[in-house]
Amino acid sequence: YQRRVHGIIKQRMAEKKKDKQLGNKVTITGRRNAGFYVFVAKQALNNFDTIELHALGLAMSVCVSTADSLINFGYATLKKTSVDSIELKGSSGPIKKPKMVIVLAKSANFKTLMDKTNALKKENEAAFTQIGPKKQHSLTFTSLRPVSYTHLRAHETLRYLVCRLLLEKKKNN
């Protein structure tokens, strides 16, 4: 999954460099969690000295969590924050939404931290290849025919049976 995301990010970064657009802008939505955007922001910081995290409305909390994680883990330092209100076109007229922009700069020890992260990732991949992927068990239904009440009772657990007996006792009293 991370390799696929990394490939998509590299492709988009290359497209943005070709188009000479601002490639250090990370647009944050509420559809993904902060962990995903921390990964994206670290990849952007590999290519740029500063990045801008942009968020609208409810995605602002994800934006703050992302910036907070990057700062707390030492990957970035806070340069600037701004909150503004923008007007968007809605079906019933213009809608005002809050917009947040957080500008982060690459920290002095960013390269060291990324080297440690990449070394750990390689260790984990090596360990995974030694162990091998987990076997996935799939449920297959050999038959979908009705079964008797006695058959169902034969598969009851002791815990379920005790609960059922207590309920019957309570029902009879």
C-alpha atoms as a PDB file:
ATOM      1  CA  TYR A   1       0.000   0.000   0.000  1.00  0.00           C
ATOM      2  CA  GLN A   2       2.746   2.476   0.976  1.00  0.00           C
ATOM      3  CA  ARG A   3       4.714   1.635  -2.150  1.00  0.00           C
ATOM      4  CA  ARG A   4       1.658   2.385  -4.298  1.00  0.00           C
ATOM      5  CA  VAL A   5       1.047   5.670  -2.469  1.00  0.00           C
ATOM      6  CA  HIS A   6       4.766   6.525  -2.708  1.00  0.00           C
ATOM      7  CA  GLY A   7       4.664   5.875  -6.461  1.00  0.00           C
ATOM      8  CA  ILE A   8       1.597   8.080  -6.878  1.00  0.00           C
ATOM      9  CA  ILE A   9       3.240  10.858  -4.864  1.00  0.00           C
ATOM     10  CA  LYS A  10       6.447  10.666  -6.917  1.00  0.00           C
ATOM     11  CA  GLN A  11       4.406  10.760 -10.121  1.00  0.00           C
ATOM     12  CA  ARG A  12       2.415  13.798  -8.975  1.00  0.00           C
ATOM     13  CA  MET A  13       5.583  15.565  -7.783  1.00  0.00           C
ATOM     14  CA  ALA A  14       7.189  14.951 -11.187  1.00  0.00           C
ATOM     15  CA  GLU A  15       4.084  16.275 -12.951  1.00  0.00           C
ATOM     16  CA  LYS A  16       4.064  19.373 -10.770  1.00  0.00           C
ATOM     17  CA  LYS A  17       7.765  20.009 -11.400  1.00  0.00           C
ATOM     18  CA  LYS A  18       7.158  19.686 -15.141  1.00  0.00           C
ATOM     19  CA  ASP A  19       4.252  22.099 -15.007  1.00  0.00           C
ATOM     20  CA  LYS A  20       6.307  24.441 -12.773  1.00  0.00           C
ATOM     21  CA  GLN A  21       3.451  24.528 -10.269  1.00  0.00           C
ATOM     22  CA  LEU A  22       3.871  24.920  -6.541  1.00  0.00           C
ATOM     23  CA  GLY A  23       4.868  21.367  -5.611  1.00  0.00           C
ATOM     24  CA  ASN A  24       5.196  21.930  -1.895  1.00  0.00           C
ATOM     25  CA  LYS A  25       1.441  22.277  -1.334  1.00  0.00           C
ATOM     26  CA  VAL A  26      -0.320  19.399   0.434  1.00  0.00           C
ATOM     27  CA  THR A  27      -4.111  19.626   0.277  1.00  0.00           C
ATOM     28  CA  ILE A  28      -5.664  17.898   3.274  1.00  0.00           C
ATOM     29  CA  THR A  29      -9.187  16.479   3.243  1.00  0.00           C
ATOM     30  CA  GLY A  30     -11.236  14.763   5.911  1.00  0.00           C
ATOM     31  CA  ARG A  31     -11.268  11.499   3.949  1.00  0.00           C
ATOM     32  CA  ARG A  32      -7.855  10.336   5.205  1.00  0.00           C
ATOM     33  CA  ASN A  33      -6.305  10.268   8.651  1.00  0.00           C
ATOM     34  CA  ALA A  34      -3.373  12.333   9.861  1.00  0.00           C
ATOM     35  CA  GLY A  35      -0.960   9.388   9.532  1.00  0.00           C
ATOM     36  CA  PHE A  36      -1.461   9.339   5.771  1.00  0.00           C
ATOM     37  CA  TYR A  37      -0.744  13.059   5.478  1.00  0.00           C
ATOM     38  CA  VAL A  38       2.323  12.773   7.722  1.00  0.00           C
ATOM     39  CA  PHE A  39       3.676  10.238   5.202  1.00  0.00           C
ATOM     40  CA  VAL A  40       2.805  12.533   2.260  1.00  0.00           C
ATOM     41  CA  ALA A  41       4.331  15.568   3.994  1.00  0.00           C
ATOM     42  CA  LYS A  42       7.572  13.683   4.735  1.00  0.00           C
ATOM     43  CA  GLN A  43       7.822  12.757   1.051  1.00  0.00           C
ATOM     44  CA  ALA A  44       7.235  16.399   0.086  1.00  0.00           C
ATOM     45  CA  LEU A  45       9.891  17.544   2.583  1.00  0.00           C
ATOM     46  CA  ASN A  46      12.351  15.214   0.840  1.00  0.00           C
ATOM     47  CA  ASN A  47      11.990  17.398  -2.278  1.00  0.00           C
ATOM     48  CA  PHE A  48      11.368  20.869  -0.812  1.00  0.00           C
ATOM     49  CA  ASP A  49      12.698  22.940   2.085  1.00  0.00           C
ATOM     50  CA  THR A  50       9.214  24.155   3.053  1.00  0.00           C
ATOM     51  CA  ILE A  51       5.742  22.712   2.614  1.00  0.00           C
ATOM     52  CA  GLU A  52       2.280  24.202   2.946  1.00  0.00           C
ATOM     53  CA  LEU A  53      -0.570  22.218   4.479  1.00  0.00           C
ATOM     54  CA  HIS A  54      -3.952  23.497   3.200  1.00  0.00           C
ATOM     55  CA  ALA A  55      -7.312  22.484   4.682  1.00  0.00           C
ATOM     56  CA  LEU A  56     -10.946  23.592   4.483  1.00  0.00           C
ATOM     57  CA  GLY A  57     -13.684  23.220   7.088  1.00  0.00           C
ATOM     58  CA  LEU A  58     -13.664  20.030   9.130  1.00  0.00           C
ATOM     59  CA  ALA A  59     -10.352  18.923   7.604  1.00  0.00           C
ATOM     60  CA  MET A  60      -8.629  21.596   9.701  1.00  0.00           C
ATOM     61  CA  SER A  61      -8.380  19.189  12.654  1.00  0.00           C
ATOM     62  CA  VAL A  62      -6.562  16.641  10.449  1.00  0.00           C
ATOM     63  CA  CYS A  63      -4.284  19.455   9.245  1.00  0.00           C
ATOM     64  CA  VAL A  64      -3.388  20.462  12.811  1.00  0.00           C
ATOM     65  CA  SER A  65      -2.790  16.818  13.824  1.00  0.00           C
ATOM     66  CA  THR A  66      -0.511  16.318  10.816  1.00  0.00           C
ATOM     67  CA  ALA A  67       1.537  19.425  11.571  1.00  0.00           C
ATOM     68  CA  ASP A  68       1.672  18.535  15.259  1.00  0.00           C
ATOM     69  CA  SER A  69       3.027  15.047  14.500  1.00  0.00           C
ATOM     70  CA  LEU A  70       5.670  16.371  12.109  1.00  0.00           C
ATOM     71  CA  ILE A  71       6.825  18.962  14.645  1.00  0.00           C
ATOM     72  CA  ASN A  72       6.750  16.621  17.670  1.00  0.00           C
ATOM     73  CA  PHE A  73       8.748  13.909  15.882  1.00  0.00           C
ATOM     74  CA  GLY A  74      11.320  16.496  14.776  1.00  0.00           C
ATOM     75  CA  TYR A  75      10.787  16.318  11.013  1.00  0.00           C
ATOM     76  CA  ALA A  76       9.703  19.958  10.647  1.00  0.00           C
ATOM     77  CA  THR A  77       9.531  23.325  12.356  1.00  0.00           C
ATOM     78  CA  LEU A  78       6.589  25.714  12.280  1.00  0.00           C
ATOM     79  CA  LYS A  79       7.105  28.796  10.131  1.00  0.00           C
ATOM     80  CA  LYS A  80       3.631  30.270   9.784  1.00  0.00           C
ATOM     81  CA  THR A  81      -0.048  29.566  10.362  1.00  0.00           C
ATOM     82  CA  SER A  82      -3.004  31.415   8.922  1.00  0.00           C
ATOM     83  CA  VAL A  83      -6.739  30.970   9.180  1.00  0.00           C
ATOM     84  CA  ASP A  84      -9.119  32.746   6.853  1.00  0.00           C
ATOM     85  CA  SER A  85     -12.673  32.532   5.644  1.00  0.00           C
ATOM     86  CA  ILE A  86     -13.408  31.928   1.972  1.00  0.00           C
ATOM     87  CA  GLU A  87     -16.625  31.920  -0.043  1.00  0.00           C
ATOM     88  CA  LEU A  88     -17.540  28.887  -2.091  1.00  0.00           C
ATOM     89  CA  LYS A  89     -20.372  28.591  -4.577  1.00  0.00           C
ATOM     90  CA  GLY A  90     -23.208  26.491  -3.225  1.00  0.00           C
ATOM     91  CA  SER A  91     -26.524  25.368  -4.713  1.00  0.00           C
ATOM     92  CA  SER A  92     -28.420  27.811  -2.473  1.00  0.00           C
ATOM     93  CA  GLY A  93     -25.879  30.629  -2.798  1.00  0.00           C
ATOM     94  CA  PRO A  94     -22.421  31.401  -1.484  1.00  0.00           C
ATOM     95  CA  ILE A  95     -21.148  29.411   1.505  1.00  0.00           C
ATOM     96  CA  LYS A  96     -18.450  30.655   3.872  1.00  0.00           C
ATOM     97  CA  LYS A  97     -15.886  28.069   4.946  1.00  0.00           C
ATOM     98  CA  PRO A  98     -12.827  28.414   7.162  1.00  0.00           C
ATOM     99  CA  LYS A  99      -9.493  27.818   5.442  1.00  0.00           C
ATOM    100  CA  MET A 100      -6.238  26.995   7.211  1.00  0.00           C
ATOM    101  CA  VAL A 101      -2.699  27.132   5.867  1.00  0.00           C
ATOM    102  CA  ILE A 102       0.241  25.845   7.925  1.00  0.00           C
ATOM    103  CA  VAL A 103       3.741  26.413   6.561  1.00  0.00           C
ATOM    104  CA  LEU A 104       6.398  24.014   7.828  1.00  0.00           C
ATOM    105  CA  ALA A 105      10.147  24.087   7.222  1.00  0.00           C
ATOM    106  CA  LYS A 106      12.407  21.053   7.025  1.00  0.00           C
ATOM    107  CA  SER A 107      14.205  20.588  10.357  1.00  0.00           C
ATOM    108  CA  ALA A 108      17.988  20.485  10.651  1.00  0.00           C
ATOM    109  CA  ASN A 109      17.975  16.767  11.527  1.00  0.00           C
ATOM    110  CA  PHE A 110      15.382  15.754   8.890  1.00  0.00           C
ATOM    111  CA  LYS A 111      17.848  13.726   6.811  1.00  0.00           C
ATOM    112  CA  THR A 112      19.075  11.804   9.876  1.00  0.00           C
ATOM    113  CA  LEU A 113      15.524  10.966  10.942  1.00  0.00           C
ATOM    114  CA  MET A 114      14.566   9.851   7.434  1.00  0.00           C
ATOM    115  CA  ASP A 115      17.696   7.660   7.210  1.00  0.00           C
ATOM    116  CA  LYS A 116      16.700   5.972  10.500  1.00  0.00           C
ATOM    117  CA  THR A 117      13.135   5.524   9.250  1.00  0.00           C
ATOM    118  CA  ASN A 118      14.311   3.995   5.973  1.00  0.00           C
ATOM    119  CA  ALA A 119      16.712   1.656   7.815  1.00  0.00           C
ATOM    120  CA  LEU A 120      13.877   0.440  10.064  1.00  0.00           C
ATOM    121  CA  LYS A 121      11.652  -0.031   7.034  1.00  0.00           C
ATOM    122  CA  LYS A 122      14.315  -2.180   5.330  1.00  0.00           C
ATOM    123  CA  GLU A 123      14.753  -4.239   8.525  1.00  0.00           C
ATOM    124  CA  ASN A 124      11.012  -4.851   8.726  1.00  0.00           C
ATOM    125  CA  GLU A 125      10.834  -5.819   5.058  1.00  0.00           C
ATOM    126  CA  ALA A 126      13.743  -8.240   5.520  1.00  0.00           C
ATOM    127  CA  ALA A 127      12.078  -9.793   8.573  1.00  0.00           C
ATOM    128  CA  PHE A 128       8.812 -10.089   6.679  1.00  0.00           C
ATOM    129  CA  THR A 129      10.442 -11.889   3.766  1.00  0.00           C
ATOM    130  CA  GLN A 130      12.089 -14.353   6.188  1.00  0.00           C
ATOM    131  CA  ILE A 131       8.801 -15.087   7.949  1.00  0.00           C
ATOM    132  CA  GLY A 132       6.735 -14.980   4.780  1.00  0.00           C
ATOM    133  CA  PRO A 133       3.282 -13.575   4.260  1.00  0.00           C
ATOM    134  CA  LYS A 134       0.508 -14.786   6.510  1.00  0.00           C
ATOM    135  CA  LYS A 135      -1.791 -17.278   4.943  1.00  0.00           C
ATOM    136  CA  GLN A 136      -5.221 -15.885   4.339  1.00  0.00           C
ATOM    137  CA  HIS A 137      -8.006 -18.187   5.361  1.00  0.00           C
ATOM    138  CA  SER A 138     -11.206 -17.896   3.443  1.00  0.00           C
ATOM    139  CA  LEU A 139     -14.504 -19.262   4.612  1.00  0.00           C
ATOM    140  CA  THR A 140     -16.156 -21.618   2.206  1.00  0.00           C
ATOM    141  CA  PHE A 141     -19.641 -22.905   2.718  1.00  0.00           C
ATOM    142  CA  THR A 142     -19.917 -26.499   1.609  1.00  0.00           C
ATOM    143  CA  SER A 143     -23.663 -26.502   1.910  1.00  0.00           C
ATOM    144  CA  LEU A 144     -26.351 -24.040   2.729  1.00  0.00           C
ATOM    145  CA  ARG A 145     -28.994 -26.480   3.904  1.00  0.00           C
ATOM    146  CA  PRO A 146     -31.056 -26.070   7.044  1.00  0.00           C
ATOM    147  CA  VAL A 147     -29.858 -27.863  10.178  1.00  0.00           C
ATOM    148  CA  SER A 148     -31.797 -29.228  13.117  1.00  0.00           C
ATOM    149  CA  TYR A 149     -32.177 -27.556  16.503  1.00  0.00           C
ATOM    150  CA  THR A 150     -30.278 -30.488  18.070  1.00  0.00           C
ATOM    151  CA  HIS A 151     -27.402 -29.883  15.679  1.00  0.00           C
ATOM    152  CA  LEU A 152     -27.252 -26.214  16.693  1.00  0.00           C
ATOM    153  CA  ARG A 153     -27.377 -27.131  20.403  1.00  0.00           C
ATOM    154  CA  ALA A 154     -24.405 -29.453  19.890  1.00  0.00           C
ATOM    155  CA  HIS A 155     -22.265 -26.411  18.994  1.00  0.00           C
ATOM    156  CA  GLU A 156     -23.238 -24.326  22.004  1.00  0.00           C
ATOM    157  CA  THR A 157     -20.421 -23.157  24.217  1.00  0.00           C
ATOM    158  CA  LEU A 158     -20.509 -23.673  27.960  1.00  0.00           C
ATOM    159  CA  ARG A 159     -20.761 -19.915  28.516  1.00  0.00           C
ATOM    160  CA  TYR A 160     -23.721 -19.606  26.185  1.00  0.00           C
ATOM    161  CA  LEU A 161     -25.384 -22.643  27.743  1.00  0.00           C
ATOM    162  CA  VAL A 162     -25.046 -21.218  31.282  1.00  0.00           C
ATOM    163  CA  CYS A 163     -26.496 -17.888  30.131  1.00  0.00           C
ATOM    164  CA  ARG A 164     -29.379 -19.639  28.402  1.00  0.00           C
ATOM    165  CA  LEU A 165     -30.132 -21.785  31.482  1.00  0.00           C
ATOM    166  CA  LEU A 166     -30.108 -18.687  33.723  1.00  0.00           C
ATOM    167  CA  LEU A 167     -32.535 -16.940  31.368  1.00  0.00           C
ATOM    168  CA  GLU A 168     -34.846 -19.967  31.331  1.00  0.00           C
ATOM    169  CA  LYS A 169     -34.717 -20.110  35.141  1.00  0.00           C
ATOM    170  CA  LYS A 170     -35.555 -16.413  35.363  1.00  0.00           C
ATOM    171  CA  LYS A 171     -38.384 -16.892  32.851  1.00  0.00           C
ATOM    172  CA  ASN A 172     -39.881 -19.784  34.867  1.00  0.00           C
ATOM    173  CA  ASN A 173     -39.805 -17.814  38.184  1.00  0.00           C
END
